[in-house]
Structure formats: structure tokens, C-alpha cells
Amino acid sequence: MHHLVINHRRLSVVNTLLLAVTLATFSGCAAVHQGHSNLQPDHNHSDSTTAAESQDWAKQRLAKSPRHQEWVKVKYKPANASTEREVNAFVVYPEVKTKATAVLVIHEIFGLSDWAQSLTDQLSEAGYIAIAPDLLSGMGPNKGGTSDVATAGSNAIGTAIRDLPPDQITADLNAVADYVSARPSANGKLAVAGFCWGGGESFRFATNRPNLKAAFVFYGAPPMTGPQGNQVPDRAALARISCPVYGFYAENDMRINATLPSTIEAMKALNKIYEPVTYPGAGHGFMRAGEDPNDKNPANKKAREDAWKRWREILNRL
């Protein structure tokens, strides 16, 4: 059974200054993939990630939100462990009259940033209970999360994410999914959505969580298998998916798009629902870049608007 401790702060857990310094070093994101995992490398993009250097605009939007925001600590005991693990998560509740569907948000390679929190709030504004765990919880030098990891050096966040054990990621996500599903205001329906690194993790989580209603993969690759440089979609993993998978991809992102033909083929052969859409002119990270007033690519804004509309329409049908 999970033990829950709720902190009713509305302040961001992320130290924006420290995070901004760390994010600036990852505009190339070249060497921060989970090299030991079975996911396609997803962190060497450079087109839209520079927009992550400063997220004051996201922090300001979040501060103006009238919705109920909480920081919660979800505790669970990992398999074969003698002590509990604690995951810090940001949850926002919608202003609705009826019970709501829950959406589990998996952050980018940049950790639980201000934008990730703002996106979580926007999902709540659309009528959903949205929760975003900090998957770097306990990974910092002082056993903290994203902001604490950032104090360890300019490459610390990327290194920490690279080194996250896949089984720990899955266990963290399952614990947080169990938590949000058990909220009295939840209607029992759960979807997952992830971005960049989190996009790949949302695809992988769909292979490990049978009761999901949908998985939303934003510019992330599926679970892959085979030797590095010659990987293919892991059909054994994909066979475990029991929900529709909806893909959101950028035209200017061949590193990820190169995986699409084989993923489409594998999902079709397995009789799985997989609906990818590619947005013209957009770059990797367009959901964040499309909101950033400093972003120079108008196609990112258009892609973000179109993807957000599609996403809400699908969520409304669940």
C-alpha cells in the first residue's frame, strides 16, 4: 500500500535559476540518453531545446492559475528493496462538477521544469486531474529532485536521467498512477502523456500498464531492441500494449521520425491502435517551443495549437 504525504504549497519545487543554468548546457542534448536502456536515443536534438533555457513565461502562467495545485509525496516499497522510495509529484485538480479522467505527465529530459508544471496545469484547465512526477526524486546530492540535481553541475540533470534504472522509472510511474487513480475526484480512467525523453517513456509505460485508456507520445520513440545502431521496435514489448497509442511528431525531427515506418509496421502486425501525426515545419520540442514567446519558428506555434486541439479531442472521447 502506498503511503501519501501531501504538501499544499503552490510554490514551484524547481529553483528556476539553477534549472535555467543547467538547461542552457543541454541545448544539444547529445550525450544524455539512457545508454543502457532499450529506448531509441532521444536527446541529441538542437532545434527547439534552446527555448528551454529560460521558462519565466511558463512560471508566470502557472502563478496566475486559479486551480488547486498540490505537491504530493508518494511512497512505495520497490520490489526486493528494504526501504521505501519517495516520489515528489505536482498535481492539479480541475474546476468541474463531476469526477474526472486522470492524466499522468512524464517530463522532458530537462526534469520537472516550470513548463512541465504549466502543461500539467493546462491539462487541469481542460478538465482533467493532471499529475507530473519528478522522476529525479531522491537523485540529488541532498536526496532531492530536479532542482537539487541541478546544483551538482551543468551536466548533472542529463547524467541523472541517463542513469535512471528503467525498472525504477516504471515503478515510480505505477506508484503515482495508483495514487492519482485512487483520488475521490477521479473517475477511474487514466491516460499517460510524455514529451521528448518522456515521450519514449510514455510509449514504454503503455507496455507495462494494462489499464491505461490511452498513451500520448510526443516526439518520442517506442521501446527498441537490438544492437546499438541497428535497433528495431521491440515487438515483444509492444505486444503487451492494451490501449491506443497516439503519436505527435515534428517534421524537422528525422532522428525520431526515422523510427516511424518500422513502428507503424510493428504496431499494425500486432493489431495495435497507433495513430501518428506529423506537424509540418515544426521542430523537436514544439509543445514547449510553441508556447515560448522567444521561439523563432512560427511552425512550432501552429503545431502546438493543432496538437493541443487534437489531444483534447481524443481525451474527451475516453
Foldseek 3Di string as FASTA:
>chain_A
DKDKDKDQDLDDPAPQVLLLLLLCVQLQQCPQALPPFQFQDQRRDNQQSNLVNHDVVLLVLSVPDPWRKIWMWIWDADPPHPDIDIWIKIKTAAPDDAFAEEEEEEEALSFCDSNVNSVQSVVSPLPHIYMYIGLQQLVAPVNGGNNRQSVVDNCRSSNSNSPRDLSSVLVVSVRVQVVVCPPPSHPNAYEYEYARVGLQVQLQNLLVDARHAEGERELTAYRWDDDPPDIAHDLVSNLSHNYAYEYEEEPAECSSVVRPVRVVVSCVVSVHHYHYDYQYPDDGPLLVLLPRPPRDGVSSVVSNVVVVVVVSVVSVVD
